[in-house]
Amino acid sequence: MKMLLSFVLLSVLVPSGLSLSCCVCNSAPTNEDCNGSNTTQICLAPLEICMTVVDIAGTKKAISKSCARRPATGRPGPPRSTPTGTP
């Protein structure tokens, strides 16, 4: 019985110790502001990476961070397009 209890406790505690935790923010003006918000999220499957998106419009920057799904290409973000006229 002791062995079963140990196994149950171990199986409950191990997954939470292996989960990924990401900083989360939406449209922060700087990376420091985003990281300083002290808001984190535990990423649950199928979200397995932390993603940072930087939107730049003129001189304004907006930084957003969240959990994300790993793309099929193995790297985060949209696929890069090839400029016209290049192979």
N, C-alpha and C. Protein backbone atom coordinates (compact mmCIF):
# COMPACT_ATOMS: atom_id res chain seq x y z
N MET A 1 0.83 -1.20 0.00
CA MET A 1 0.00 0.00 0.00
C MET A 1 0.87 1.26 0.00
N LYS A 2 1.97 1.22 0.76
CA LYS A 2 2.88 2.36 0.81
C LYS A 2 3.47 2.64 -0.57
N MET A 3 3.80 1.57 -1.28
CA MET A 3 4.38 1.70 -2.62
C MET A 3 3.38 2.35 -3.57
N LEU A 4 2.12 1.95 -3.49
CA LEU A 4 1.08 2.51 -4.35
C LEU A 4 0.89 4.00 -4.06
N LEU A 5 0.86 4.37 -2.80
CA LEU A 5 0.72 5.77 -2.41
C LEU A 5 1.89 6.59 -2.92
N SER A 6 3.10 6.06 -2.81
CA SER A 6 4.29 6.75 -3.32
C SER A 6 4.20 6.95 -4.82
N PHE A 7 3.75 5.94 -5.54
CA PHE A 7 3.62 6.04 -6.99
C PHE A 7 2.59 7.10 -7.38
N VAL A 8 1.46 7.12 -6.69
CA VAL A 8 0.41 8.10 -6.98
C VAL A 8 0.91 9.52 -6.72
N LEU A 9 1.57 9.72 -5.61
CA LEU A 9 2.11 11.05 -5.30
C LEU A 9 3.15 11.47 -6.33
N LEU A 10 4.01 10.56 -6.71
CA LEU A 10 5.05 10.86 -7.70
C LEU A 10 4.43 11.21 -9.04
N SER A 11 3.43 10.46 -9.46
CA SER A 11 2.81 10.72 -10.77
C SER A 11 2.05 12.04 -10.78
N VAL A 12 1.56 12.49 -9.64
CA VAL A 12 0.86 13.77 -9.57
C VAL A 12 1.84 14.93 -9.55
N LEU A 13 2.97 14.77 -8.89
CA LEU A 13 3.92 15.86 -8.75
C LEU A 13 4.86 16.03 -9.93
N VAL A 14 5.24 14.98 -10.59
CA VAL A 14 6.23 15.07 -11.67
C VAL A 14 5.75 15.90 -12.86
N PRO A 15 4.55 15.69 -13.41
CA PRO A 15 4.16 16.48 -14.57
C PRO A 15 4.16 17.98 -14.33
N SER A 16 3.76 18.43 -13.15
CA SER A 16 3.75 19.86 -12.88
C SER A 16 5.16 20.41 -12.80
N GLY A 17 6.12 19.61 -12.41
CA GLY A 17 7.50 20.07 -12.36
C GLY A 17 8.14 20.15 -13.73
N LEU A 18 7.59 19.47 -14.71
CA LEU A 18 8.15 19.47 -16.05
C LEU A 18 7.43 20.42 -17.00
N SER A 19 6.41 21.10 -16.54
CA SER A 19 5.65 21.97 -17.43
C SER A 19 6.41 23.26 -17.71
N LEU A 20 6.12 23.85 -18.86
CA LEU A 20 6.77 25.08 -19.29
C LEU A 20 5.94 26.27 -18.82
N SER A 21 6.60 27.26 -18.29
CA SER A 21 5.94 28.47 -17.85
C SER A 21 6.48 29.65 -18.66
N CYS A 22 5.59 30.42 -19.27
CA CYS A 22 5.99 31.54 -20.12
C CYS A 22 5.51 32.87 -19.54
N CYS A 23 6.30 33.91 -19.77
CA CYS A 23 5.88 35.27 -19.47
C CYS A 23 4.77 35.62 -20.45
N VAL A 24 3.72 36.30 -19.97
CA VAL A 24 2.59 36.64 -20.82
C VAL A 24 2.31 38.13 -20.72
N CYS A 25 2.17 38.78 -21.88
CA CYS A 25 1.76 40.18 -21.92
C CYS A 25 1.13 40.45 -23.28
N ASN A 26 0.46 41.58 -23.39
CA ASN A 26 -0.21 41.92 -24.64
C ASN A 26 0.02 43.40 -24.94
N SER A 27 0.73 43.68 -26.01
CA SER A 27 0.99 45.04 -26.50
C SER A 27 1.74 45.91 -25.50
N ALA A 28 2.75 45.36 -24.85
CA ALA A 28 3.59 46.15 -23.95
C ALA A 28 4.52 47.02 -24.80
N PRO A 29 4.81 48.26 -24.37
CA PRO A 29 5.66 49.13 -25.18
C PRO A 29 7.13 48.71 -25.21
N THR A 30 7.60 48.01 -24.16
CA THR A 30 8.99 47.53 -24.12
C THR A 30 9.04 46.12 -23.57
N ASN A 31 10.15 45.44 -23.83
CA ASN A 31 10.35 44.10 -23.30
C ASN A 31 10.41 44.14 -21.77
N GLU A 32 11.01 45.19 -21.24
CA GLU A 32 11.11 45.33 -19.78
C GLU A 32 9.72 45.45 -19.15
N ASP A 33 8.84 46.23 -19.80
CA ASP A 33 7.47 46.35 -19.29
C ASP A 33 6.75 45.01 -19.32
N CYS A 34 6.97 44.26 -20.39
CA CYS A 34 6.34 42.95 -20.51
C CYS A 34 6.84 42.01 -19.41
N ASN A 35 8.16 41.92 -19.27
CA ASN A 35 8.73 41.04 -18.25
C ASN A 35 8.42 41.51 -16.85
N GLY A 36 8.27 42.82 -16.67
CA GLY A 36 7.99 43.38 -15.35
C GLY A 36 6.56 43.19 -14.89
N SER A 37 5.70 42.74 -15.80
CA SER A 37 4.29 42.55 -15.42
C SER A 37 4.12 41.36 -14.48
N ASN A 38 5.16 40.51 -14.39
CA ASN A 38 5.14 39.34 -13.51
C ASN A 38 3.93 38.44 -13.75
N THR A 39 3.47 38.39 -14.99
CA THR A 39 2.36 37.51 -15.34
C THR A 39 2.92 36.33 -16.12
N THR A 40 2.70 35.13 -15.60
CA THR A 40 3.17 33.93 -16.27
C THR A 40 2.00 32.99 -16.52
N GLN A 41 2.21 32.10 -17.46
CA GLN A 41 1.19 31.12 -17.81
C GLN A 41 1.86 29.77 -17.95
N ILE A 42 1.26 28.74 -17.39
CA ILE A 42 1.76 27.38 -17.59
C ILE A 42 1.21 26.88 -18.91
N CYS A 43 2.11 26.48 -19.79
CA CYS A 43 1.72 26.04 -21.13
C CYS A 43 1.32 24.57 -21.10
N LEU A 44 0.11 24.30 -21.51
CA LEU A 44 -0.40 22.93 -21.57
C LEU A 44 -0.43 22.48 -23.02
N ALA A 45 -0.27 21.18 -23.24
CA ALA A 45 -0.27 20.62 -24.59
C ALA A 45 -1.54 21.05 -25.32
N PRO A 46 -1.43 21.38 -26.57
CA PRO A 46 -0.30 21.27 -27.48
C PRO A 46 0.60 22.50 -27.50
N LEU A 47 0.41 23.44 -26.57
CA LEU A 47 1.26 24.63 -26.52
C LEU A 47 2.56 24.27 -25.82
N GLU A 48 3.67 24.27 -26.56
CA GLU A 48 4.91 23.73 -26.01
C GLU A 48 6.11 24.66 -26.10
N ILE A 49 5.91 25.90 -26.56
CA ILE A 49 7.01 26.87 -26.62
C ILE A 49 6.50 28.23 -26.14
N CYS A 50 7.44 29.09 -25.74
CA CYS A 50 7.12 30.48 -25.44
C CYS A 50 7.35 31.29 -26.71
N MET A 51 6.42 32.18 -27.04
CA MET A 51 6.53 32.96 -28.26
C MET A 51 6.49 34.45 -27.93
N THR A 52 7.36 35.22 -28.59
CA THR A 52 7.36 36.67 -28.49
C THR A 52 7.06 37.24 -29.86
N VAL A 53 6.10 38.15 -29.92
CA VAL A 53 5.76 38.84 -31.17
C VAL A 53 6.02 40.32 -30.96
N VAL A 54 6.80 40.91 -31.87
CA VAL A 54 7.09 42.34 -31.82
C VAL A 54 6.46 42.99 -33.05
N ASP A 55 5.46 43.82 -32.82
CA ASP A 55 4.82 44.57 -33.90
C ASP A 55 5.40 45.97 -33.91
N ILE A 56 5.88 46.41 -35.07
CA ILE A 56 6.46 47.75 -35.20
C ILE A 56 5.64 48.51 -36.24
N ALA A 57 5.14 49.67 -35.83
CA ALA A 57 4.40 50.55 -36.74
C ALA A 57 5.00 51.94 -36.59
N GLY A 58 5.80 52.33 -37.57
CA GLY A 58 6.48 53.62 -37.47
C GLY A 58 7.50 53.58 -36.35
N THR A 59 7.33 54.46 -35.37
CA THR A 59 8.25 54.48 -34.23
C THR A 59 7.68 53.75 -33.02
N LYS A 60 6.47 53.23 -33.13
CA LYS A 60 5.84 52.54 -32.01
C LYS A 60 6.06 51.04 -32.10
N LYS A 61 6.30 50.45 -30.94
CA LYS A 61 6.54 49.01 -30.84
C LYS A 61 5.55 48.42 -29.84
N ALA A 62 5.02 47.25 -30.15
CA ALA A 62 4.11 46.54 -29.24
C ALA A 62 4.61 45.11 -29.10
N ILE A 63 4.92 44.71 -27.87
CA ILE A 63 5.46 43.37 -27.60
C ILE A 63 4.39 42.53 -26.92
N SER A 64 4.17 41.35 -27.48
CA SER A 64 3.22 40.40 -26.90
C SER A 64 3.93 39.07 -26.71
N LYS A 65 3.67 38.41 -25.59
CA LYS A 65 4.28 37.11 -25.29
C LYS A 65 3.19 36.16 -24.83
N SER A 66 3.34 34.89 -25.22
CA SER A 66 2.36 33.88 -24.83
C SER A 66 2.92 32.48 -25.07
N CYS A 67 2.16 31.48 -24.65
CA CYS A 67 2.46 30.10 -25.01
C CYS A 67 2.04 29.90 -26.46
N ALA A 68 2.73 29.01 -27.16
CA ALA A 68 2.39 28.77 -28.56
C ALA A 68 2.65 27.32 -28.93
N ARG A 69 2.08 26.93 -30.04
CA ARG A 69 2.29 25.60 -30.60
C ARG A 69 3.51 25.65 -31.51
N ARG A 70 4.35 24.62 -31.42
CA ARG A 70 5.52 24.55 -32.30
C ARG A 70 5.04 24.27 -33.72
N PRO A 71 5.46 25.10 -34.68
CA PRO A 71 5.02 24.88 -36.07
C PRO A 71 5.68 23.64 -36.67
N ALA A 72 5.11 23.16 -37.74
CA ALA A 72 5.63 21.96 -38.39
C ALA A 72 7.05 22.16 -38.91
N THR A 73 7.45 23.41 -39.15
CA THR A 73 8.80 23.68 -39.66
C THR A 73 9.85 23.56 -38.58
N GLY A 74 9.44 23.48 -37.32
CA GLY A 74 10.40 23.36 -36.22
C GLY A 74 10.85 24.69 -35.67
N ARG A 75 10.39 25.79 -36.24
CA ARG A 75 10.75 27.10 -35.72
C ARG A 75 9.48 27.93 -35.57
N PRO A 76 9.43 28.81 -34.55
CA PRO A 76 8.23 29.60 -34.36
C PRO A 76 8.07 30.65 -35.45
N GLY A 77 6.87 31.12 -35.61
CA GLY A 77 6.60 32.20 -36.55
C GLY A 77 6.08 31.71 -37.87
N PRO A 78 5.60 32.65 -38.68
CA PRO A 78 5.08 32.27 -39.99
C PRO A 78 6.20 31.87 -40.92
N PRO A 79 5.91 31.08 -41.95
CA PRO A 79 6.95 30.70 -42.89
C PRO A 79 7.47 31.92 -43.62
N ARG A 80 8.76 31.94 -43.87
CA ARG A 80 9.36 33.06 -44.58
C ARG A 80 9.10 32.91 -46.06
N SER A 81 8.76 34.01 -46.69
CA SER A 81 8.52 33.95 -48.14
C SER A 81 9.82 34.27 -48.87
N THR A 82 9.95 33.74 -50.06
CA THR A 82 11.11 34.01 -50.90
C THR A 82 10.80 35.23 -51.74
N PRO A 83 11.70 36.24 -51.74
CA PRO A 83 11.45 37.43 -52.56
C PRO A 83 11.30 37.05 -54.03
N THR A 84 10.46 37.79 -54.73
CA THR A 84 10.23 37.53 -56.15
C THR A 84 11.53 37.68 -56.93
N GLY A 85 11.76 36.73 -57.84
CA GLY A 85 12.95 36.80 -58.68
C GLY A 85 14.14 36.04 -58.14
N THR A 86 14.01 35.44 -56.94
CA THR A 86 15.11 34.64 -56.40
C THR A 86 14.68 33.20 -56.33
N PRO A 87 15.60 32.28 -56.55
CA PRO A 87 15.23 30.85 -56.52
C PRO A 87 14.93 30.37 -55.12
